[in-house]
Amino acid sequence: MRHRDGVARSLIVLLAFSASTGIAAAQQSEINSSLTQIEEFVATTLGQIGVIVFLIGAALWFVSRRSADRAQWGWRAMWGGAGMIVLSVSYNVFVSLFENLAPGMVVPLLP
């Protein structure tokens, strides 16, 4: 009787462990998917806002005529928008680099 109880307990523990491992793997997949969507949203939004700010700054700078204040704000907005565009591209590069480094897989940069 004791041997059967031990085998039954072992099977129950094994099934519970495998079920919890499967659930954890599914949750990890959902988390990775959510993080990827957030990363794409941040990079896209940053780039689009950068383009909009750059264009508004360029328009403000070109139509400023003799107003030094408007020209200064237009110039600053152009540089700020350009910086946001560069930051969005750099963000994509760093995220993809760290995604490859996180699991211990180093991808060679030069073939």
N, C-alpha and C. Protein backbone atom coordinates (compact mmCIF):
# COMPACT_ATOMS: atom_id res chain seq x y z
N MET A 1 0.81 -1.18 0.00
CA MET A 1 0.00 0.00 0.00
C MET A 1 0.86 1.25 0.00
N ARG A 2 1.91 1.24 0.79
CA ARG A 2 2.75 2.43 0.88
C ARG A 2 3.45 2.71 -0.44
N HIS A 3 3.83 1.69 -1.13
CA HIS A 3 4.52 1.87 -2.41
C HIS A 3 3.59 2.53 -3.43
N ARG A 4 2.32 2.10 -3.46
CA ARG A 4 1.36 2.69 -4.39
C ARG A 4 1.08 4.15 -4.04
N ASP A 5 0.99 4.46 -2.75
CA ASP A 5 0.77 5.84 -2.33
C ASP A 5 1.95 6.73 -2.72
N GLY A 6 3.15 6.20 -2.59
CA GLY A 6 4.36 6.96 -2.96
C GLY A 6 4.41 7.22 -4.45
N VAL A 7 4.05 6.22 -5.24
CA VAL A 7 4.05 6.37 -6.70
C VAL A 7 2.96 7.38 -7.11
N ALA A 8 1.79 7.27 -6.49
CA ALA A 8 0.71 8.20 -6.80
C ALA A 8 1.10 9.63 -6.45
N ARG A 9 1.72 9.82 -5.30
CA ARG A 9 2.16 11.16 -4.91
C ARG A 9 3.23 11.68 -5.87
N SER A 10 4.13 10.81 -6.24
CA SER A 10 5.19 11.22 -7.18
C SER A 10 4.59 11.64 -8.52
N LEU A 11 3.61 10.90 -9.00
CA LEU A 11 2.97 11.26 -10.26
C LEU A 11 2.21 12.58 -10.15
N ILE A 12 1.53 12.79 -9.04
CA ILE A 12 0.80 14.04 -8.84
C ILE A 12 1.76 15.22 -8.79
N VAL A 13 2.87 15.05 -8.07
CA VAL A 13 3.87 16.12 -7.99
C VAL A 13 4.48 16.39 -9.36
N LEU A 14 4.77 15.34 -10.11
CA LEU A 14 5.35 15.49 -11.44
C LEU A 14 4.38 16.21 -12.38
N LEU A 15 3.10 15.83 -12.35
CA LEU A 15 2.11 16.49 -13.19
C LEU A 15 1.92 17.95 -12.80
N ALA A 16 1.88 18.21 -11.50
CA ALA A 16 1.73 19.59 -11.04
C ALA A 16 2.93 20.44 -11.46
N PHE A 17 4.12 19.88 -11.35
CA PHE A 17 5.33 20.61 -11.74
C PHE A 17 5.34 20.90 -13.23
N SER A 18 4.99 19.90 -14.05
CA SER A 18 4.99 20.12 -15.49
C SER A 18 3.91 21.11 -15.91
N ALA A 19 2.76 21.07 -15.23
CA ALA A 19 1.70 22.03 -15.54
C ALA A 19 2.12 23.45 -15.18
N SER A 20 2.75 23.62 -14.01
CA SER A 20 3.18 24.95 -13.60
C SER A 20 4.30 25.47 -14.49
N THR A 21 5.16 24.56 -14.97
CA THR A 21 6.23 24.98 -15.88
C THR A 21 5.65 25.45 -17.20
N GLY A 22 4.64 24.76 -17.70
CA GLY A 22 3.98 25.17 -18.94
C GLY A 22 3.29 26.51 -18.80
N ILE A 23 2.65 26.72 -17.66
CA ILE A 23 1.98 28.00 -17.40
C ILE A 23 3.00 29.13 -17.33
N ALA A 24 4.13 28.87 -16.64
CA ALA A 24 5.17 29.89 -16.52
C ALA A 24 5.75 30.24 -17.89
N ALA A 25 5.94 29.23 -18.75
CA ALA A 25 6.47 29.48 -20.08
C ALA A 25 5.48 30.30 -20.91
N ALA A 26 4.20 30.03 -20.77
CA ALA A 26 3.19 30.81 -21.49
C ALA A 26 3.15 32.25 -21.01
N GLN A 27 3.27 32.44 -19.70
CA GLN A 27 3.28 33.80 -19.15
C GLN A 27 4.52 34.55 -19.62
N GLN A 28 5.67 33.87 -19.67
CA GLN A 28 6.90 34.51 -20.15
C GLN A 28 6.74 34.95 -21.59
N SER A 29 6.11 34.12 -22.41
CA SER A 29 5.88 34.47 -23.81
C SER A 29 4.99 35.70 -23.93
N GLU A 30 3.93 35.77 -23.11
CA GLU A 30 3.04 36.93 -23.14
C GLU A 30 3.77 38.20 -22.69
N ILE A 31 4.61 38.07 -21.68
CA ILE A 31 5.38 39.22 -21.19
C ILE A 31 6.33 39.71 -22.27
N ASN A 32 7.03 38.79 -22.93
CA ASN A 32 7.95 39.18 -24.00
C ASN A 32 7.21 39.85 -25.15
N SER A 33 6.03 39.34 -25.48
CA SER A 33 5.24 39.93 -26.55
C SER A 33 4.79 41.34 -26.17
N SER A 34 4.36 41.52 -24.94
CA SER A 34 3.92 42.84 -24.48
C SER A 34 5.07 43.84 -24.47
N LEU A 35 6.24 43.40 -24.00
CA LEU A 35 7.40 44.29 -23.97
C LEU A 35 7.83 44.68 -25.37
N THR A 36 7.76 43.75 -26.30
CA THR A 36 8.11 44.06 -27.69
C THR A 36 7.16 45.10 -28.27
N GLN A 37 5.87 44.96 -27.98
CA GLN A 37 4.90 45.95 -28.47
C GLN A 37 5.14 47.32 -27.86
N ILE A 38 5.48 47.35 -26.58
CA ILE A 38 5.77 48.63 -25.92
C ILE A 38 7.00 49.28 -26.53
N GLU A 39 8.05 48.49 -26.76
CA GLU A 39 9.28 49.01 -27.36
C GLU A 39 9.02 49.59 -28.75
N GLU A 40 8.24 48.88 -29.56
CA GLU A 40 7.93 49.37 -30.90
C GLU A 40 7.11 50.66 -30.83
N PHE A 41 6.16 50.72 -29.90
CA PHE A 41 5.33 51.91 -29.75
C PHE A 41 6.17 53.12 -29.35
N VAL A 42 7.08 52.93 -28.39
CA VAL A 42 7.93 54.04 -27.92
C VAL A 42 8.81 54.54 -29.05
N ALA A 43 9.46 53.62 -29.77
CA ALA A 43 10.36 54.04 -30.84
C ALA A 43 9.60 54.74 -31.97
N THR A 44 8.45 54.20 -32.35
CA THR A 44 7.66 54.82 -33.42
C THR A 44 7.13 56.19 -33.01
N THR A 45 6.61 56.28 -31.80
CA THR A 45 6.07 57.55 -31.32
C THR A 45 7.16 58.60 -31.22
N LEU A 46 8.31 58.21 -30.69
CA LEU A 46 9.42 59.16 -30.56
C LEU A 46 9.86 59.67 -31.93
N GLY A 47 9.95 58.78 -32.90
CA GLY A 47 10.34 59.20 -34.25
C GLY A 47 9.31 60.11 -34.90
N GLN A 48 8.03 59.77 -34.75
CA GLN A 48 6.98 60.58 -35.36
C GLN A 48 6.88 61.96 -34.72
N ILE A 49 6.96 62.02 -33.41
CA ILE A 49 6.94 63.33 -32.74
C ILE A 49 8.17 64.14 -33.14
N GLY A 50 9.31 63.47 -33.29
CA GLY A 50 10.53 64.16 -33.73
C GLY A 50 10.36 64.78 -35.10
N VAL A 51 9.75 64.05 -36.01
CA VAL A 51 9.53 64.59 -37.37
C VAL A 51 8.57 65.79 -37.30
N ILE A 52 7.51 65.68 -36.52
CA ILE A 52 6.55 66.78 -36.41
C ILE A 52 7.20 68.02 -35.81
N VAL A 53 7.97 67.84 -34.72
CA VAL A 53 8.64 68.98 -34.08
C VAL A 53 9.67 69.59 -35.03
N PHE A 54 10.39 68.76 -35.76
CA PHE A 54 11.37 69.27 -36.72
C PHE A 54 10.70 70.11 -37.80
N LEU A 55 9.58 69.61 -38.35
CA LEU A 55 8.90 70.35 -39.41
C LEU A 55 8.28 71.65 -38.90
N ILE A 56 7.71 71.62 -37.70
CA ILE A 56 7.16 72.86 -37.13
C ILE A 56 8.28 73.86 -36.87
N GLY A 57 9.41 73.39 -36.36
CA GLY A 57 10.55 74.27 -36.12
C GLY A 57 11.10 74.86 -37.40
N ALA A 58 11.17 74.03 -38.45
CA ALA A 58 11.66 74.53 -39.74
C ALA A 58 10.72 75.59 -40.30
N ALA A 59 9.42 75.33 -40.18
CA ALA A 59 8.44 76.32 -40.67
C ALA A 59 8.54 77.61 -39.88
N LEU A 60 8.66 77.50 -38.57
CA LEU A 60 8.77 78.68 -37.72
C LEU A 60 10.05 79.46 -38.03
N TRP A 61 11.13 78.75 -38.28
CA TRP A 61 12.41 79.41 -38.57
C TRP A 61 12.36 80.11 -39.93
N PHE A 62 11.74 79.44 -40.93
CA PHE A 62 11.70 80.03 -42.27
C PHE A 62 10.76 81.22 -42.37
N VAL A 63 9.71 81.28 -41.57
CA VAL A 63 8.76 82.39 -41.67
C VAL A 63 9.02 83.44 -40.60
N SER A 64 10.10 83.35 -39.87
CA SER A 64 10.35 84.27 -38.75
C SER A 64 10.66 85.69 -39.22
N ARG A 65 11.20 85.84 -40.44
CA ARG A 65 11.58 87.13 -41.01
C ARG A 65 12.52 87.89 -40.07
N ARG A 66 12.04 88.96 -39.46
CA ARG A 66 12.93 89.78 -38.63
C ARG A 66 12.75 89.51 -37.13
N SER A 67 11.93 88.57 -36.78
CA SER A 67 11.71 88.27 -35.37
C SER A 67 12.76 87.28 -34.88
N ALA A 68 13.70 87.79 -34.13
CA ALA A 68 14.78 86.93 -33.64
C ALA A 68 14.27 85.89 -32.66
N ASP A 69 13.24 86.25 -31.91
CA ASP A 69 12.69 85.31 -30.93
C ASP A 69 12.08 84.09 -31.62
N ARG A 70 11.29 84.32 -32.67
CA ARG A 70 10.69 83.20 -33.41
C ARG A 70 11.76 82.38 -34.12
N ALA A 71 12.76 83.04 -34.65
CA ALA A 71 13.84 82.32 -35.33
C ALA A 71 14.60 81.44 -34.34
N GLN A 72 14.82 81.96 -33.14
CA GLN A 72 15.53 81.18 -32.12
C GLN A 72 14.71 79.96 -31.71
N TRP A 73 13.41 80.13 -31.48
CA TRP A 73 12.56 79.00 -31.11
C TRP A 73 12.44 78.00 -32.25
N GLY A 74 12.38 78.47 -33.49
CA GLY A 74 12.34 77.58 -34.64
C GLY A 74 13.61 76.76 -34.76
N TRP A 75 14.76 77.41 -34.55
CA TRP A 75 16.05 76.72 -34.61
C TRP A 75 16.14 75.66 -33.51
N ARG A 76 15.71 76.03 -32.32
CA ARG A 76 15.74 75.07 -31.21
C ARG A 76 14.81 73.88 -31.48
N ALA A 77 13.64 74.15 -32.03
CA ALA A 77 12.70 73.06 -32.33
C ALA A 77 13.25 72.16 -33.42
N MET A 78 13.93 72.73 -34.41
CA MET A 78 14.54 71.90 -35.45
C MET A 78 15.58 70.97 -34.86
N TRP A 79 16.45 71.49 -34.03
CA TRP A 79 17.48 70.65 -33.40
C TRP A 79 16.86 69.63 -32.45
N GLY A 80 15.84 70.04 -31.71
CA GLY A 80 15.16 69.10 -30.81
C GLY A 80 14.49 67.96 -31.57
N GLY A 81 13.82 68.31 -32.67
CA GLY A 81 13.18 67.28 -33.49
C GLY A 81 14.20 66.34 -34.11
N ALA A 82 15.30 66.90 -34.60
CA ALA A 82 16.36 66.06 -35.17
C ALA A 82 16.94 65.13 -34.11
N GLY A 83 17.12 65.66 -32.91
CA GLY A 83 17.62 64.83 -31.81
C GLY A 83 16.67 63.70 -31.46
N MET A 84 15.36 63.98 -31.49
CA MET A 84 14.38 62.93 -31.21
C MET A 84 14.39 61.85 -32.29
N ILE A 85 14.59 62.24 -33.53
CA ILE A 85 14.67 61.26 -34.61
C ILE A 85 15.89 60.37 -34.42
N VAL A 86 17.03 60.97 -34.13
CA VAL A 86 18.26 60.19 -33.89
C VAL A 86 18.08 59.30 -32.67
N LEU A 87 17.43 59.80 -31.63
CA LEU A 87 17.20 59.01 -30.43
C LEU A 87 16.31 57.81 -30.70
N SER A 88 15.29 57.98 -31.55
CA SER A 88 14.41 56.85 -31.85
C SER A 88 15.16 55.76 -32.61
N VAL A 89 16.04 56.14 -33.53
CA VAL A 89 16.85 55.15 -34.26
C VAL A 89 17.83 54.48 -33.31
N SER A 90 18.48 55.26 -32.46
CA SER A 90 19.42 54.69 -31.49
C SER A 90 18.71 53.76 -30.52
N TYR A 91 17.50 54.11 -30.13
CA TYR A 91 16.71 53.29 -29.22
C TYR A 91 16.48 51.90 -29.83
N ASN A 92 16.11 51.87 -31.12
CA ASN A 92 15.90 50.59 -31.79
C ASN A 92 17.18 49.77 -31.83
N VAL A 93 18.31 50.41 -32.08
CA VAL A 93 19.59 49.70 -32.14
C VAL A 93 19.94 49.13 -30.77
N PHE A 94 19.81 49.92 -29.72
CA PHE A 94 20.17 49.44 -28.38
C PHE A 94 19.22 48.35 -27.89
N VAL A 95 17.94 48.47 -28.19
CA VAL A 95 16.99 47.43 -27.77
C VAL A 95 17.31 46.11 -28.46
N SER A 96 17.57 46.14 -29.76
CA SER A 96 17.89 44.90 -30.46
C SER A 96 19.22 44.32 -29.98
N LEU A 97 20.18 45.18 -29.64
CA LEU A 97 21.46 44.70 -29.11
C LEU A 97 21.26 44.01 -27.77
N PHE A 98 20.50 44.62 -26.88
CA PHE A 98 20.30 44.03 -25.55
C PHE A 98 19.40 42.80 -25.60
N GLU A 99 18.49 42.73 -26.56
CA GLU A 99 17.69 41.51 -26.71
C GLU A 99 18.57 40.33 -27.08
N ASN A 100 19.60 40.58 -27.89
CA ASN A 100 20.51 39.51 -28.27
C ASN A 100 21.49 39.17 -27.16
N LEU A 101 21.85 40.13 -26.33
CA LEU A 101 22.80 39.87 -25.26
C LEU A 101 22.15 39.25 -24.03
N ALA A 102 20.85 39.53 -23.82
CA ALA A 102 20.18 39.08 -22.60
C ALA A 102 20.22 37.57 -22.41
N PRO A 103 19.89 36.75 -23.41
CA PRO A 103 19.92 35.31 -23.17
C PRO A 103 21.33 34.72 -23.23
N GLY A 104 22.35 35.56 -23.42
CA GLY A 104 23.72 35.04 -23.50
C GLY A 104 24.15 34.76 -24.91
N MET A 105 23.34 35.12 -25.88
CA MET A 105 23.67 34.87 -27.27
C MET A 105 24.28 36.15 -27.86
N VAL A 106 25.55 36.13 -28.14
CA VAL A 106 26.21 37.29 -28.71
C VAL A 106 26.26 37.11 -30.22
N VAL A 107 25.68 38.05 -30.93
CA VAL A 107 25.66 38.00 -32.37
C VAL A 107 26.87 38.77 -32.88
N PRO A 108 27.71 38.16 -33.72
CA PRO A 108 28.88 38.89 -34.24
C PRO A 108 28.44 40.06 -35.11
N LEU A 109 29.08 41.19 -34.90
CA LEU A 109 28.72 42.38 -35.67
C LEU A 109 29.30 42.36 -37.07
N LEU A 110 30.49 41.79 -37.22
CA LEU A 110 31.13 41.71 -38.52
C LEU A 110 31.15 40.25 -38.98
N PRO A 111 30.75 39.98 -40.21
CA PRO A 111 30.73 38.56 -40.69
C PRO A 111 32.10 38.01 -40.92
